[in-house]
PDB file of all heavy atoms in Angstrom:
ATOM      1  N   PHE A   1       2.321   8.326  10.577  1.00  0.00           N
ATOM      2  CA  PHE A   1       2.179   8.593   9.142  1.00  0.00           C
ATOM      3  C   PHE A   1       1.644   7.360   8.406  1.00  0.00           C
ATOM      4  O   PHE A   1       0.705   7.453   7.599  1.00  0.00           O
ATOM      5  CB  PHE A   1       3.531   9.016   8.541  1.00  0.00           C
ATOM      6  CG  PHE A   1       3.517   9.142   7.046  1.00  0.00           C
ATOM      7  CD1 PHE A   1       2.898  10.226   6.433  1.00  0.00           C
ATOM      8  CD2 PHE A   1       4.096   8.170   6.242  1.00  0.00           C
ATOM      9  CE1 PHE A   1       2.864  10.334   5.043  1.00  0.00           C
ATOM     10  CE2 PHE A   1       4.073   8.266   4.866  1.00  0.00           C
ATOM     11  CZ  PHE A   1       3.451   9.366   4.266  1.00  0.00           C
ATOM     12  N   GLU A   2       2.217   6.207   8.693  1.00  0.00           N
ATOM     13  CA  GLU A   2       1.809   4.980   8.007  1.00  0.00           C
ATOM     14  C   GLU A   2       0.373   4.599   8.368  1.00  0.00           C
ATOM     15  O   GLU A   2      -0.375   4.095   7.516  1.00  0.00           O
ATOM     16  CB  GLU A   2       2.794   3.854   8.333  1.00  0.00           C
ATOM     17  CG  GLU A   2       4.136   4.062   7.625  1.00  0.00           C
ATOM     18  CD  GLU A   2       5.252   3.184   8.177  1.00  0.00           C
ATOM     19  OE1 GLU A   2       4.969   2.310   9.032  1.00  0.00           O
ATOM     20  OE2 GLU A   2       6.399   3.380   7.758  1.00  0.00           O
ATOM     21  N   ALA A   3      -0.026   4.848   9.621  1.00  0.00           N
ATOM     22  CA  ALA A   3      -1.406   4.550  10.033  1.00  0.00           C
ATOM     23  C   ALA A   3      -2.393   5.433   9.273  1.00  0.00           C
ATOM     24  O   ALA A   3      -3.453   4.966   8.831  1.00  0.00           O
ATOM     25  CB  ALA A   3      -1.553   4.756  11.538  1.00  0.00           C
ATOM     26  N   ILE A   4      -2.052   6.700   9.101  1.00  0.00           N
ATOM     27  CA  ILE A   4      -2.924   7.619   8.362  1.00  0.00           C
ATOM     28  C   ILE A   4      -3.027   7.193   6.894  1.00  0.00           C
ATOM     29  O   ILE A   4      -4.121   7.178   6.313  1.00  0.00           O
ATOM     30  CB  ILE A   4      -2.406   9.070   8.490  1.00  0.00           C
ATOM     31  CG1 ILE A   4      -2.773   9.621   9.867  1.00  0.00           C
ATOM     32  CG2 ILE A   4      -2.974   9.968   7.394  1.00  0.00           C
ATOM     33  CD1 ILE A   4      -2.173  10.967  10.176  1.00  0.00           C
ATOM     34  N   MET A   5      -1.902   6.827   6.309  1.00  0.00           N
ATOM     35  CA  MET A   5      -1.931   6.414   4.898  1.00  0.00           C
ATOM     36  C   MET A   5      -2.741   5.135   4.715  1.00  0.00           C
ATOM     37  O   MET A   5      -3.438   4.978   3.711  1.00  0.00           O
ATOM     38  CB  MET A   5      -0.506   6.236   4.359  1.00  0.00           C
ATOM     39  CG  MET A   5       0.319   7.517   4.302  1.00  0.00           C
ATOM     40  SD  MET A   5      -0.521   8.943   3.554  1.00  0.00           S
ATOM     41  CE  MET A   5      -0.853   8.333   1.903  1.00  0.00           C
ATOM     42  N   ARG A   6      -2.670   4.218   5.687  1.00  0.00           N
ATOM     43  CA  ARG A   6      -3.487   2.993   5.607  1.00  0.00           C
ATOM     44  C   ARG A   6      -4.964   3.348   5.586  1.00  0.00           C
ATOM     45  O   ARG A   6      -5.751   2.770   4.829  1.00  0.00           O
ATOM     46  CB  ARG A   6      -3.196   2.067   6.800  1.00  0.00           C
ATOM     47  CG  ARG A   6      -2.076   1.094   6.597  1.00  0.00           C
ATOM     48  CD  ARG A   6      -2.088  -0.028   7.629  1.00  0.00           C
ATOM     49  NE  ARG A   6      -1.950   0.443   8.999  1.00  0.00           N
ATOM     50  CZ  ARG A   6      -0.801   0.756   9.582  1.00  0.00           C
ATOM     51  NH1 ARG A   6       0.326   0.644   8.893  1.00  0.00           N
ATOM     52  NH2 ARG A   6      -0.748   1.162  10.824  1.00  0.00           N
ATOM     53  N   TRP A   7      -5.347   4.284   6.448  1.00  0.00           N
ATOM     54  CA  TRP A   7      -6.755   4.696   6.539  1.00  0.00           C
ATOM     55  C   TRP A   7      -7.207   5.369   5.245  1.00  0.00           C
ATOM     56  O   TRP A   7      -8.269   5.063   4.717  1.00  0.00           O
ATOM     57  CB  TRP A   7      -6.931   5.634   7.731  1.00  0.00           C
ATOM     58  CG  TRP A   7      -8.347   6.083   7.950  1.00  0.00           C
ATOM     59  CD1 TRP A   7      -9.305   5.436   8.668  1.00  0.00           C
ATOM     60  CD2 TRP A   7      -8.968   7.266   7.428  1.00  0.00           C
ATOM     61  NE1 TRP A   7     -10.485   6.146   8.645  1.00  0.00           N
ATOM     62  CE2 TRP A   7     -10.312   7.278   7.886  1.00  0.00           C
ATOM     63  CE3 TRP A   7      -8.528   8.314   6.633  1.00  0.00           C
ATOM     64  CZ2 TRP A   7     -11.196   8.292   7.556  1.00  0.00           C
ATOM     65  CZ3 TRP A   7      -9.409   9.337   6.302  1.00  0.00           C
ATOM     66  CH2 TRP A   7     -10.726   9.320   6.759  1.00  0.00           C
ATOM     67  N   VAL A   8      -6.403   6.271   4.712  1.00  0.00           N
ATOM     68  CA  VAL A   8      -6.773   6.991   3.481  1.00  0.00           C
ATOM     69  C   VAL A   8      -6.881   6.024   2.311  1.00  0.00           C
ATOM     70  O   VAL A   8      -7.827   6.088   1.507  1.00  0.00           O
ATOM     71  CB  VAL A   8      -5.752   8.109   3.172  1.00  0.00           C
ATOM     72  CG1 VAL A   8      -6.018   8.730   1.804  1.00  0.00           C
ATOM     73  CG2 VAL A   8      -5.804   9.191   4.252  1.00  0.00           C
ATOM     74  N   LYS A   9      -5.945   5.096   2.204  1.00  0.00           N
ATOM     75  CA  LYS A   9      -5.907   4.186   1.046  1.00  0.00           C
ATOM     76  C   LYS A   9      -6.998   3.128   1.091  1.00  0.00           C
ATOM     77  O   LYS A   9      -7.219   2.419   0.103  1.00  0.00           O
ATOM     78  CB  LYS A   9      -4.528   3.529   0.951  1.00  0.00           C
ATOM     79  CG  LYS A   9      -3.453   4.509   0.495  1.00  0.00           C
ATOM     80  CD  LYS A   9      -2.085   3.865   0.441  1.00  0.00           C
ATOM     81  CE  LYS A   9      -1.031   4.845  -0.045  1.00  0.00           C
ATOM     82  NZ  LYS A   9       0.315   4.236  -0.077  1.00  0.00           N
ATOM     83  N   LYS A  10      -7.696   3.026   2.222  1.00  0.00           N
ATOM     84  CA  LYS A  10      -8.844   2.113   2.291  1.00  0.00           C
ATOM     85  C   LYS A  10      -9.945   2.575   1.323  1.00  0.00           C
ATOM     86  O   LYS A  10     -10.644   1.758   0.737  1.00  0.00           O
ATOM     87  CB  LYS A  10      -9.378   2.081   3.739  1.00  0.00           C
ATOM     88  CG  LYS A  10     -10.669   1.323   3.941  1.00  0.00           C
ATOM     89  CD  LYS A  10     -10.480  -0.174   3.822  1.00  0.00           C
ATOM     90  CE  LYS A  10     -11.772  -0.897   4.175  1.00  0.00           C
ATOM     91  NZ  LYS A  10     -11.692  -2.340   3.948  1.00  0.00           N
ATOM     92  N   ASP A  11     -10.052   3.895   1.136  1.00  0.00           N
ATOM     93  CA  ASP A  11     -11.036   4.457   0.212  1.00  0.00           C
ATOM     94  C   ASP A  11     -10.501   5.805  -0.299  1.00  0.00           C
ATOM     95  O   ASP A  11     -10.975   6.873   0.102  1.00  0.00           O
ATOM     96  CB  ASP A  11     -12.380   4.650   0.926  1.00  0.00           C
ATOM     97  CG  ASP A  11     -13.502   5.028  -0.049  1.00  0.00           C
ATOM     98  OD1 ASP A  11     -13.199   5.285  -1.233  1.00  0.00           O
ATOM     99  OD2 ASP A  11     -14.670   5.076   0.389  1.00  0.00           O
ATOM    100  N   PRO A  12      -9.457   5.764  -1.150  1.00  0.00           N
ATOM    101  CA  PRO A  12      -8.761   7.000  -1.529  1.00  0.00           C
ATOM    102  C   PRO A  12      -9.650   8.041  -2.203  1.00  0.00           C
ATOM    103  O   PRO A  12      -9.464   9.241  -1.996  1.00  0.00           O
ATOM    104  CB  PRO A  12      -7.653   6.516  -2.474  1.00  0.00           C
ATOM    105  CG  PRO A  12      -8.035   5.132  -2.868  1.00  0.00           C
ATOM    106  CD  PRO A  12      -8.859   4.575  -1.770  1.00  0.00           C
ATOM    107  N   GLU A  13     -10.625   7.601  -2.984  1.00  0.00           N
ATOM    108  CA  GLU A  13     -11.485   8.568  -3.675  1.00  0.00           C
ATOM    109  C   GLU A  13     -12.255   9.430  -2.683  1.00  0.00           C
ATOM    110  O   GLU A  13     -12.422  10.638  -2.878  1.00  0.00           O
ATOM    111  CB  GLU A  13     -12.464   7.833  -4.610  1.00  0.00           C
ATOM    112  CG  GLU A  13     -11.792   7.291  -5.863  1.00  0.00           C
ATOM    113  CD  GLU A  13     -12.819   6.724  -6.833  1.00  0.00           C
ATOM    114  OE1 GLU A  13     -14.018   7.027  -6.682  1.00  0.00           O
ATOM    115  OE2 GLU A  13     -12.400   5.969  -7.735  1.00  0.00           O
ATOM    116  N   LEU A  14     -12.715   8.811  -1.626  1.00  0.00           N
ATOM    117  CA  LEU A  14     -13.517   9.526  -0.643  1.00  0.00           C
ATOM    118  C   LEU A  14     -12.655  10.211   0.422  1.00  0.00           C
ATOM    119  O   LEU A  14     -12.996  11.281   0.915  1.00  0.00           O
ATOM    120  CB  LEU A  14     -14.493   8.542   0.027  1.00  0.00           C
ATOM    121  CG  LEU A  14     -15.628   9.146   0.857  1.00  0.00           C
ATOM    122  CD1 LEU A  14     -16.556   9.987  -0.022  1.00  0.00           C
ATOM    123  CD2 LEU A  14     -16.416   8.034   1.551  1.00  0.00           C
ATOM    124  N   ARG A  15     -11.521   9.579   0.760  1.00  0.00           N
ATOM    125  CA  ARG A  15     -10.771  10.017   1.931  1.00  0.00           C
ATOM    126  C   ARG A  15      -9.573  10.913   1.627  1.00  0.00           C
ATOM    127  O   ARG A  15      -9.020  11.526   2.548  1.00  0.00           O
ATOM    128  CB  ARG A  15     -10.300   8.796   2.736  1.00  0.00           C
ATOM    129  CG  ARG A  15     -11.455   7.991   3.313  1.00  0.00           C
ATOM    130  CD  ARG A  15     -10.980   6.775   4.092  1.00  0.00           C
ATOM    131  NE  ARG A  15     -12.085   6.117   4.774  1.00  0.00           N
ATOM    132  CZ  ARG A  15     -11.963   5.058   5.567  1.00  0.00           C
ATOM    133  NH1 ARG A  15     -10.759   4.535   5.786  1.00  0.00           N
ATOM    134  NH2 ARG A  15     -13.028   4.523   6.136  1.00  0.00           N
ATOM    135  N   SER A  16      -9.147  10.996   0.380  1.00  0.00           N
ATOM    136  CA  SER A  16      -7.947  11.774   0.071  1.00  0.00           C
ATOM    137  C   SER A  16      -8.127  13.258   0.427  1.00  0.00           C
ATOM    138  O   SER A  16      -7.157  13.938   0.764  1.00  0.00           O
ATOM    139  CB  SER A  16      -7.564  11.625  -1.410  1.00  0.00           C
ATOM    140  OG  SER A  16      -8.640  12.019  -2.235  1.00  0.00           O
ATOM    141  N   LYS A  17      -9.349  13.729   0.393  1.00  0.00           N
ATOM    142  CA  LYS A  17      -9.606  15.133   0.749  1.00  0.00           C
ATOM    143  C   LYS A  17      -9.281  15.410   2.217  1.00  0.00           C
ATOM    144  O   LYS A  17      -9.041  16.560   2.623  1.00  0.00           O
ATOM    145  CB  LYS A  17     -11.057  15.504   0.453  1.00  0.00           C
ATOM    146  CG  LYS A  17     -12.084  14.848   1.381  1.00  0.00           C
ATOM    147  CD  LYS A  17     -13.495  15.257   1.044  1.00  0.00           C
ATOM    148  CE  LYS A  17     -14.521  14.777   2.070  1.00  0.00           C
ATOM    149  NZ  LYS A  17     -14.410  13.365   2.432  1.00  0.00           N
ATOM    150  N   ASP A  18      -9.289  14.362   3.070  1.00  0.00           N
ATOM    151  CA  ASP A  18      -9.004  14.525   4.498  1.00  0.00           C
ATOM    152  C   ASP A  18      -7.506  14.450   4.809  1.00  0.00           C
ATOM    153  O   ASP A  18      -7.101  14.743   5.936  1.00  0.00           O
ATOM    154  CB  ASP A  18      -9.720  13.435   5.317  1.00  0.00           C
ATOM    155  CG  ASP A  18     -11.232  13.496   5.168  1.00  0.00           C
ATOM    156  OD1 ASP A  18     -11.769  14.612   5.267  1.00  0.00           O
ATOM    157  OD2 ASP A  18     -11.857  12.442   4.932  1.00  0.00           O
ATOM    158  N   LEU A  19      -6.696  14.056   3.814  1.00  0.00           N
ATOM    159  CA  LEU A  19      -5.272  13.831   4.087  1.00  0.00           C
ATOM    160  C   LEU A  19      -4.556  15.082   4.596  1.00  0.00           C
ATOM    161  O   LEU A  19      -3.785  14.986   5.560  1.00  0.00           O
ATOM    162  CB  LEU A  19      -4.575  13.262   2.843  1.00  0.00           C
ATOM    163  CG  LEU A  19      -3.078  12.970   3.011  1.00  0.00           C
ATOM    164  CD1 LEU A  19      -2.843  11.980   4.153  1.00  0.00           C
ATOM    165  CD2 LEU A  19      -2.486  12.429   1.711  1.00  0.00           C
ATOM    166  N   PRO A  20      -4.736  16.270   3.987  1.00  0.00           N
ATOM    167  CA  PRO A  20      -4.001  17.440   4.495  1.00  0.00           C
ATOM    168  C   PRO A  20      -4.244  17.713   5.978  1.00  0.00           C
ATOM    169  O   PRO A  20      -3.299  17.980   6.734  1.00  0.00           O
ATOM    170  CB  PRO A  20      -4.523  18.591   3.617  1.00  0.00           C
ATOM    171  CG  PRO A  20      -4.956  17.937   2.356  1.00  0.00           C
ATOM    172  CD  PRO A  20      -5.521  16.604   2.774  1.00  0.00           C
ATOM    173  N   GLN A  21      -5.507  17.622   6.394  1.00  0.00           N
ATOM    174  CA  GLN A  21      -5.822  17.885   7.801  1.00  0.00           C
ATOM    175  C   GLN A  21      -5.206  16.819   8.713  1.00  0.00           C
ATOM    176  O   GLN A  21      -4.694  17.127   9.790  1.00  0.00           O
ATOM    177  CB  GLN A  21      -7.339  17.921   7.983  1.00  0.00           C
ATOM    178  CG  GLN A  21      -7.763  18.390   9.376  1.00  0.00           C
ATOM    179  CD  GLN A  21      -9.279  18.392   9.548  1.00  0.00           C
ATOM    180  OE1 GLN A  21      -9.992  17.722   8.806  1.00  0.00           O
ATOM    181  NE2 GLN A  21      -9.777  19.147  10.520  1.00  0.00           N
ATOM    182  N   LEU A  22      -5.231  15.567   8.281  1.00  0.00           N
ATOM    183  CA  LEU A  22      -4.649  14.482   9.074  1.00  0.00           C
ATOM    184  C   LEU A  22      -3.128  14.579   9.106  1.00  0.00           C
ATOM    185  O   LEU A  22      -2.494  14.389  10.149  1.00  0.00           O
ATOM    186  CB  LEU A  22      -5.083  13.125   8.510  1.00  0.00           C
ATOM    187  CG  LEU A  22      -6.566  12.778   8.665  1.00  0.00           C
ATOM    188  CD1 LEU A  22      -6.929  11.577   7.801  1.00  0.00           C
ATOM    189  CD2 LEU A  22      -6.901  12.498  10.138  1.00  0.00           C
ATOM    190  N   LEU A  23      -2.536  14.890   7.947  1.00  0.00           N
ATOM    191  CA  LEU A  23      -1.079  14.978   7.867  1.00  0.00           C
ATOM    192  C   LEU A  23      -0.547  16.130   8.729  1.00  0.00           C
ATOM    193  O   LEU A  23       0.568  16.064   9.252  1.00  0.00           O
ATOM    194  CB  LEU A  23      -0.641  15.166   6.409  1.00  0.00           C
ATOM    195  CG  LEU A  23       0.823  14.850   6.091  1.00  0.00           C
ATOM    196  CD1 LEU A  23       1.135  13.392   6.387  1.00  0.00           C
ATOM    197  CD2 LEU A  23       1.137  15.180   4.638  1.00  0.00           C
ATOM    198  N   ALA A  24      -1.372  17.170   8.887  1.00  0.00           N
ATOM    199  CA  ALA A  24      -0.976  18.304   9.732  1.00  0.00           C
ATOM    200  C   ALA A  24      -0.833  17.892  11.197  1.00  0.00           C
ATOM    201  O   ALA A  24      -0.178  18.589  11.986  1.00  0.00           O
ATOM    202  CB  ALA A  24      -1.989  19.433   9.603  1.00  0.00           C
ATOM    203  N   ALA A  25      -1.460  16.769  11.571  1.00  0.00           N
ATOM    204  CA  ALA A  25      -1.352  16.277  12.951  1.00  0.00           C
ATOM    205  C   ALA A  25      -0.137  15.376  13.156  1.00  0.00           C
ATOM    206  O   ALA A  25       0.193  15.014  14.286  1.00  0.00           O
ATOM    207  CB  ALA A  25      -2.625  15.524  13.335  1.00  0.00           C
ATOM    208  N   VAL A  26       0.521  14.998  12.051  1.00  0.00           N
ATOM    209  CA  VAL A  26       1.741  14.184  12.136  1.00  0.00           C
ATOM    210  C   VAL A  26       2.924  15.119  12.365  1.00  0.00           C
ATOM    211  O   VAL A  26       3.029  16.168  11.729  1.00  0.00           O
ATOM    212  CB  VAL A  26       1.960  13.363  10.850  1.00  0.00           C
ATOM    213  CG1 VAL A  26       3.208  12.498  10.976  1.00  0.00           C
ATOM    214  CG2 VAL A  26       0.747  12.497  10.555  1.00  0.00           C
TER     215      VAL A  26
END
């Protein structure tokens, strides 16, 4: 979970849309 959040927060405007799909893998 923390690794995914680190990746998303690197560019939240662009990457936040990918969070649901990534979080589903946690």
